[in-house]
Every structure is written in C-alpha cells, then in structure tokens.
Amino acid sequence: MTMALWKSIRPYLSAAIRFFHISYIEAKAQHHGARLGVLWGPLSSLCFVVMLSLIFHHSESMPQGDFFLYVFVGYILWSFIAETITGSTDIIQKRLDFAVHNGLSVPGLFGKILVDRLFSYGLNLVSLALVAIVFFHDKLGASLVLFLPFALMIVAASFFGAYLVNIITILFPDTRTLFQVGVRFLFFASPVFWSANEVTGGVRGLLTTYNPVSYFLSMARQTMGIQVFNPSDWLIALAVTAAICAAGTLAYLGSRNFIRNLK
C-alpha cells in the first residue's frame, strides 16, 4: 500500500523538484551580477514592510513590533495573491514555447508558474521565520500546525484561480488592464497595513466582511499567533477556495475545445 502510494506521488514530487530548480535558475538570472542574488527578493519585501509599519502604525493598542509582524505576514501573502492575478493574464499567450520545449500540458504549465510563485513566497517565508525566531519567538507556538491546511488552500486557490484569470483575459482581452488596476485597488482595500480588528463599521467594515482576501490574510496571521484562531474565517476561506477551484475546473473543461493541449 505504501509503495503504491509512493509510486503514484513520486512523478509529481520529481516534477515539483525540477520546477523549483528551474525557478531558482530563473530567479538567479534576474539578479545576474548582484552579490546577494535571489536574496534581493525577500530583502526588498522586508524593507517595504518596515516602511509600511513605520508610516501606518497609529494605534496604541498594538505595539510597533507587533504591528510590524502583522504587516509582514500580510504583505508577503498579499504579494503571492497579487502575483497570482497579475502574473496569470498571459500565461498561455506567452509561455507556449517554454511548455512545448519541456513537454508540458496546459495544467503542467500552470503548475510550473505556481511553483515560481511558491518559490518567491517561500523565500519571503524564510525571511519571516528568521525575524520571528530572533525577535518574536514568544509568538511561535501550537498555532503553527495551522500552516499546512492554510498552505493547501492558498495553493489550490492560486492554481485554479490563475487558469480562470487567464481564460477570462483570452476571451475578453481588455480585462487584462482591469485585473492590473483592480489588484492595485485591492491592495488598499485589504487589511494588509491596516488592522481589521480595529474596524467597527463604515467602508472598512464592508471591506473586511465582503473582501475574500481579508479572510486569507486573517488565516495567515492566525498561523503565526498574531490573531486568535477564528473558525469562521477558515470556513469562509474554505468556501471561497472551493468556489475558485470549481470555477477554474469548469473553465478548463469548457476551454479544451479552443485551448490546445500542449503535450
């Protein structure tokens, strides 16, 4: 039974390792000549988070250090979400040669792009972990067990959501600009650098309640012990993830007639 399971998942693990290696090579090429290389990614995120936490911290109810960690966790997840949307508007249109050269199917191509996003997110997570261990070790605890279900949800939502975004831009090319503008708006409309816990009503209250991104940000902070575990946040995020996966699956099944499978 164990051997059969291993044989079934081994090809996927091998492909994932190969894709991560390619992602590393591509990231390294982007910083060719720089001594720090791929480390510039997490360093730039860290610097931006420091700036956000210094400028937008205004509440005495949350110490400066806690607010920095709050923004750090939220920002690196936001970067992953934003790249899922803006980086998926032209995958099929522009990455056909790469897919053909590597013998990838359409799902395989989107899996490779997902690995690229996970590589960047992983580097930011390592930076976050180092900062948390050194300065916020008291925050780390049993809540970290929540990271696995959280990771599974964002991976699934990112994979299927990326295909859905790409199909929409193929059918309606003008939506590419709308997605880019929408993501910029969504950054300010999501509790990345403002605290949802301090919202009691008004526009921010509506955004906290009806913006799906806020629930994923809340889950990320709950895994770090920054926010108290709230089952309703997880259930809503799970429902959103299921809806994205269903929509992405339907988009794939409905597009196979005009999206040529590459393998």
Protein backbone atom coordinates (compact mmCIF):
# COMPACT_ATOMS: atom_id res chain seq x y z
CA MET A 1 0.00 0.00 0.00
CA THR A 2 2.80 2.37 0.97
CA MET A 3 4.82 1.51 -2.14
CA ALA A 4 1.79 2.01 -4.37
CA LEU A 5 1.17 5.43 -2.81
CA TRP A 6 4.81 6.39 -3.23
CA LYS A 7 4.82 5.33 -6.89
CA SER A 8 1.71 7.40 -7.53
CA ILE A 9 3.07 10.61 -5.99
CA ARG A 10 6.72 10.21 -6.99
CA PRO A 11 6.30 11.65 -10.53
CA TYR A 12 4.62 14.75 -9.10
CA LEU A 13 7.35 15.22 -6.50
CA SER A 14 10.04 14.82 -9.14
CA ALA A 15 8.33 17.39 -11.35
CA ALA A 16 7.97 19.78 -8.41
CA ILE A 17 11.68 19.49 -7.55
CA ARG A 18 12.62 20.06 -11.19
CA PHE A 19 10.35 23.08 -11.41
CA PHE A 20 11.76 24.56 -8.19
CA HIS A 21 15.26 24.15 -9.62
CA ILE A 22 14.19 25.95 -12.81
CA SER A 23 12.57 28.68 -10.71
CA TYR A 24 15.83 29.14 -8.82
CA ILE A 25 17.80 29.39 -12.06
CA GLU A 26 15.35 31.92 -13.49
CA ALA A 27 15.37 33.99 -10.28
CA LYS A 28 19.16 33.90 -10.20
CA ALA A 29 19.30 35.09 -13.82
CA GLN A 30 17.09 38.06 -12.95
CA HIS A 31 19.71 39.21 -10.42
CA HIS A 32 22.73 38.34 -12.56
CA GLY A 33 25.81 40.14 -11.30
CA ALA A 34 24.34 41.01 -7.90
CA ARG A 35 26.23 39.56 -4.95
CA LEU A 36 23.10 38.83 -2.96
CA GLY A 37 21.35 37.25 -5.94
CA VAL A 38 17.90 35.83 -5.16
CA LEU A 39 18.10 37.25 -1.63
CA TRP A 40 17.16 40.63 -3.06
CA GLY A 41 13.58 39.39 -3.29
CA PRO A 42 12.97 38.86 0.43
CA LEU A 43 15.19 41.83 1.33
CA SER A 44 13.09 44.19 -0.78
CA SER A 45 9.93 42.81 0.85
CA LEU A 46 11.45 43.31 4.29
CA CYS A 47 12.42 46.91 3.53
CA PHE A 48 8.96 47.71 2.19
CA VAL A 49 7.31 46.16 5.25
CA VAL A 50 9.50 48.23 7.55
CA MET A 51 8.42 51.38 5.71
CA LEU A 52 4.73 50.43 5.86
CA SER A 53 4.86 49.57 9.55
CA LEU A 54 6.63 52.83 10.43
CA ILE A 55 4.33 55.06 8.38
CA PHE A 56 0.96 53.49 9.09
CA HIS A 57 1.32 52.47 12.73
CA HIS A 58 -1.03 54.68 14.70
CA SER A 59 -2.76 52.52 17.30
CA GLU A 60 -1.60 52.31 20.88
CA SER A 61 -3.48 49.01 21.22
CA MET A 62 -0.86 47.27 19.05
CA PRO A 63 2.84 47.82 19.82
CA GLN A 64 5.14 48.82 16.98
CA GLY A 65 6.83 45.42 16.89
CA ASP A 66 3.55 43.51 16.77
CA PHE A 67 2.29 45.78 14.02
CA PHE A 68 5.47 45.14 12.03
CA LEU A 69 4.90 41.38 12.26
CA TYR A 70 1.21 41.88 11.41
CA VAL A 71 2.14 43.79 8.24
CA PHE A 72 4.98 41.40 7.36
CA VAL A 73 2.75 38.32 7.40
CA GLY A 74 0.03 40.12 5.47
CA TYR A 75 2.30 41.68 2.87
CA ILE A 76 4.11 38.52 1.77
CA LEU A 77 0.79 36.70 1.38
CA TRP A 78 -0.62 39.68 -0.47
CA SER A 79 2.37 39.57 -2.85
CA PHE A 80 1.57 35.92 -3.57
CA ILE A 81 -2.10 36.74 -4.22
CA ALA A 82 -1.27 39.75 -6.40
CA GLU A 83 1.20 37.75 -8.49
CA THR A 84 -1.40 35.01 -8.91
CA ILE A 85 -3.73 37.53 -10.54
CA THR A 86 -1.45 39.89 -12.47
CA GLY A 87 1.01 37.17 -13.45
CA SER A 88 -1.68 34.93 -14.92
CA THR A 89 -3.19 37.23 -17.52
CA ASP A 90 -0.99 35.99 -20.38
CA ILE A 91 0.50 32.62 -19.41
CA ILE A 92 -0.98 30.67 -22.31
CA GLN A 93 -0.30 33.52 -24.73
CA LYS A 94 3.38 33.96 -23.87
CA ARG A 95 4.66 30.69 -22.38
CA LEU A 96 3.78 28.27 -25.18
CA ASP A 97 7.39 27.86 -26.31
CA PHE A 98 8.52 27.01 -22.79
CA ALA A 99 5.71 24.46 -22.42
CA VAL A 100 6.42 22.81 -25.77
CA HIS A 101 10.17 22.66 -25.06
CA ASN A 102 9.56 20.97 -21.70
CA GLY A 103 6.74 18.70 -22.88
CA LEU A 104 4.16 20.25 -20.57
CA SER A 105 0.40 20.02 -20.76
CA VAL A 106 -1.73 23.06 -20.01
CA PRO A 107 -2.15 22.02 -16.33
CA GLY A 108 1.58 21.31 -16.21
CA LEU A 109 2.38 24.79 -17.46
CA PHE A 110 0.20 26.37 -14.80
CA GLY A 111 1.80 24.08 -12.23
CA LYS A 112 5.22 25.40 -13.24
CA ILE A 113 4.07 29.02 -12.89
CA LEU A 114 2.58 28.14 -9.50
CA VAL A 115 5.96 26.80 -8.41
CA ASP A 116 7.53 30.12 -9.45
CA ARG A 117 5.13 31.94 -7.13
CA LEU A 118 5.73 29.45 -4.34
CA PHE A 119 9.49 29.89 -4.72
CA SER A 120 9.20 33.64 -4.14
CA TYR A 121 6.71 33.14 -1.33
CA GLY A 122 9.00 30.54 0.24
CA LEU A 123 11.94 32.95 0.28
CA ASN A 124 9.76 35.54 1.99
CA LEU A 125 8.60 32.91 4.49
CA VAL A 126 12.20 32.07 5.35
CA SER A 127 12.87 35.76 5.96
CA LEU A 128 9.73 35.97 8.11
CA ALA A 129 10.74 32.85 10.07
CA LEU A 130 14.20 34.26 10.82
CA VAL A 131 12.75 37.56 12.01
CA ALA A 132 10.13 35.77 14.12
CA ILE A 133 12.67 33.41 15.72
CA VAL A 134 15.04 36.25 16.63
CA PHE A 135 12.58 38.95 17.72
CA PHE A 136 9.16 37.32 18.19
CA HIS A 137 9.87 33.78 19.41
CA ASP A 138 7.12 34.18 22.02
CA LYS A 139 4.58 34.34 19.18
CA LEU A 140 5.55 30.94 17.83
CA GLY A 141 3.56 28.06 19.23
CA ALA A 142 0.94 25.43 18.58
CA SER A 143 -0.80 27.68 16.05
CA LEU A 144 1.90 26.75 13.52
CA VAL A 145 0.09 23.44 12.92
CA LEU A 146 -2.50 25.53 11.07
CA PHE A 147 0.05 26.34 8.38
CA LEU A 148 -0.42 23.07 6.47
CA PRO A 149 -4.18 23.45 5.84
CA PHE A 150 -3.61 27.15 5.15
CA ALA A 151 -0.91 26.32 2.59
CA LEU A 152 -3.09 23.70 0.89
CA MET A 153 -5.90 26.23 0.48
CA ILE A 154 -3.78 29.02 -1.00
CA VAL A 155 -2.00 26.59 -3.35
CA ALA A 156 -5.32 25.23 -4.65
CA ALA A 157 -6.86 28.70 -4.98
CA SER A 158 -3.75 30.03 -6.73
CA PHE A 159 -3.56 27.16 -9.23
CA PHE A 160 -7.22 27.19 -10.29
CA GLY A 161 -7.57 30.96 -9.95
CA ALA A 162 -4.64 31.52 -12.30
CA TYR A 163 -6.25 29.45 -15.03
CA LEU A 164 -9.57 31.21 -14.54
CA VAL A 165 -7.92 34.65 -14.85
CA ASN A 166 -6.04 33.58 -17.99
CA ILE A 167 -9.16 32.25 -19.70
CA ILE A 168 -11.04 35.47 -18.92
CA THR A 169 -8.27 37.56 -20.49
CA ILE A 170 -8.24 35.32 -23.57
CA LEU A 171 -11.99 35.71 -24.05
CA PHE A 172 -12.03 39.40 -23.05
CA PRO A 173 -8.55 40.93 -23.70
CA ASP A 174 -9.46 44.29 -22.13
CA THR A 175 -9.86 42.61 -18.75
CA ARG A 176 -6.08 42.31 -18.51
CA THR A 177 -5.84 46.02 -17.71
CA LEU A 178 -8.85 45.74 -15.41
CA PHE A 179 -7.12 42.99 -13.43
CA GLN A 180 -3.96 45.08 -13.07
CA VAL A 181 -5.87 48.15 -11.91
CA GLY A 182 -8.10 46.04 -9.68
CA VAL A 183 -5.14 44.50 -7.89
CA ARG A 184 -3.75 47.94 -7.07
CA PHE A 185 -7.11 48.94 -5.65
CA LEU A 186 -7.39 45.66 -3.76
CA PHE A 187 -4.09 46.32 -2.00
CA PHE A 188 -5.58 49.34 -0.25
CA ALA A 189 -8.97 47.66 0.18
CA SER A 190 -7.46 44.69 2.04
CA PRO A 191 -6.17 44.71 5.64
CA VAL A 192 -2.52 44.45 4.66
CA PHE A 193 -1.27 47.53 6.51
CA TRP A 194 -4.41 48.44 8.46
CA SER A 195 -5.84 46.29 11.21
CA ALA A 196 -9.18 44.61 10.62
CA ASN A 197 -9.55 44.12 14.38
CA GLU A 198 -9.94 47.86 14.88
CA VAL A 199 -12.69 48.23 12.27
CA THR A 200 -16.16 48.76 13.69
CA GLY A 201 -18.08 49.86 10.61
CA GLY A 202 -18.05 52.14 7.59
CA VAL A 203 -16.29 51.31 4.33
CA ARG A 204 -13.53 49.33 6.03
CA GLY A 205 -16.14 47.25 7.82
CA LEU A 206 -17.70 46.34 4.48
CA LEU A 207 -14.30 45.54 3.00
CA THR A 208 -13.39 43.32 5.94
CA THR A 209 -16.67 41.42 5.65
CA TYR A 210 -17.05 41.08 1.89
CA ASN A 211 -13.45 41.10 0.65
CA PRO A 212 -12.31 37.44 0.39
CA VAL A 213 -8.66 38.47 0.65
CA SER A 214 -9.21 39.60 4.25
CA TYR A 215 -10.05 36.05 5.33
CA PHE A 216 -6.88 34.61 3.82
CA LEU A 217 -4.83 37.35 5.47
CA SER A 218 -6.52 36.57 8.77
CA MET A 219 -5.70 32.87 8.41
CA ALA A 220 -2.05 33.63 7.73
CA ARG A 221 -1.85 35.75 10.88
CA GLN A 222 -3.61 33.10 12.94
CA THR A 223 -0.96 30.55 11.95
CA MET A 224 1.65 32.90 13.44
CA GLY A 225 -0.34 33.51 16.62
CA ILE A 226 -0.80 37.18 15.76
CA GLN A 227 -4.58 36.80 15.75
CA VAL A 228 -6.78 34.49 17.78
CA PHE A 229 -8.00 31.40 15.96
CA ASN A 230 -11.39 32.07 14.39
CA PRO A 231 -13.12 29.02 12.82
CA SER A 232 -15.50 31.20 10.78
CA ASP A 233 -12.56 32.76 8.92
CA TRP A 234 -11.36 29.30 7.91
CA LEU A 235 -14.81 28.13 6.84
CA ILE A 236 -15.35 31.21 4.70
CA ALA A 237 -11.88 30.90 3.16
CA LEU A 238 -12.54 27.21 2.50
CA ALA A 239 -15.81 28.09 0.75
CA VAL A 240 -14.03 30.74 -1.35
CA THR A 241 -11.29 28.24 -2.23
CA ALA A 242 -13.85 25.61 -3.23
CA ALA A 243 -15.67 28.15 -5.42
CA ILE A 244 -12.41 29.18 -7.15
CA CYS A 245 -11.44 25.53 -7.72
CA ALA A 246 -14.88 24.72 -9.13
CA ALA A 247 -14.85 27.77 -11.42
CA GLY A 248 -11.30 27.01 -12.57
CA THR A 249 -12.19 23.38 -13.29
CA LEU A 250 -15.27 24.38 -15.28
CA ALA A 251 -13.17 26.93 -17.19
CA TYR A 252 -10.64 24.24 -18.06
CA LEU A 253 -13.27 21.72 -19.16
CA GLY A 254 -15.08 24.34 -21.20
CA SER A 255 -11.94 25.71 -22.85
CA ARG A 256 -10.41 22.46 -24.10
CA ASN A 257 -12.13 22.96 -27.45
CA PHE A 258 -10.19 26.14 -28.21
CA ILE A 259 -7.15 25.88 -25.90
CA ARG A 260 -4.82 23.36 -27.49
CA ASN A 261 -3.38 20.90 -25.02
CA LEU A 262 0.38 21.33 -25.32
CA LYS A 263 1.55 17.83 -24.52
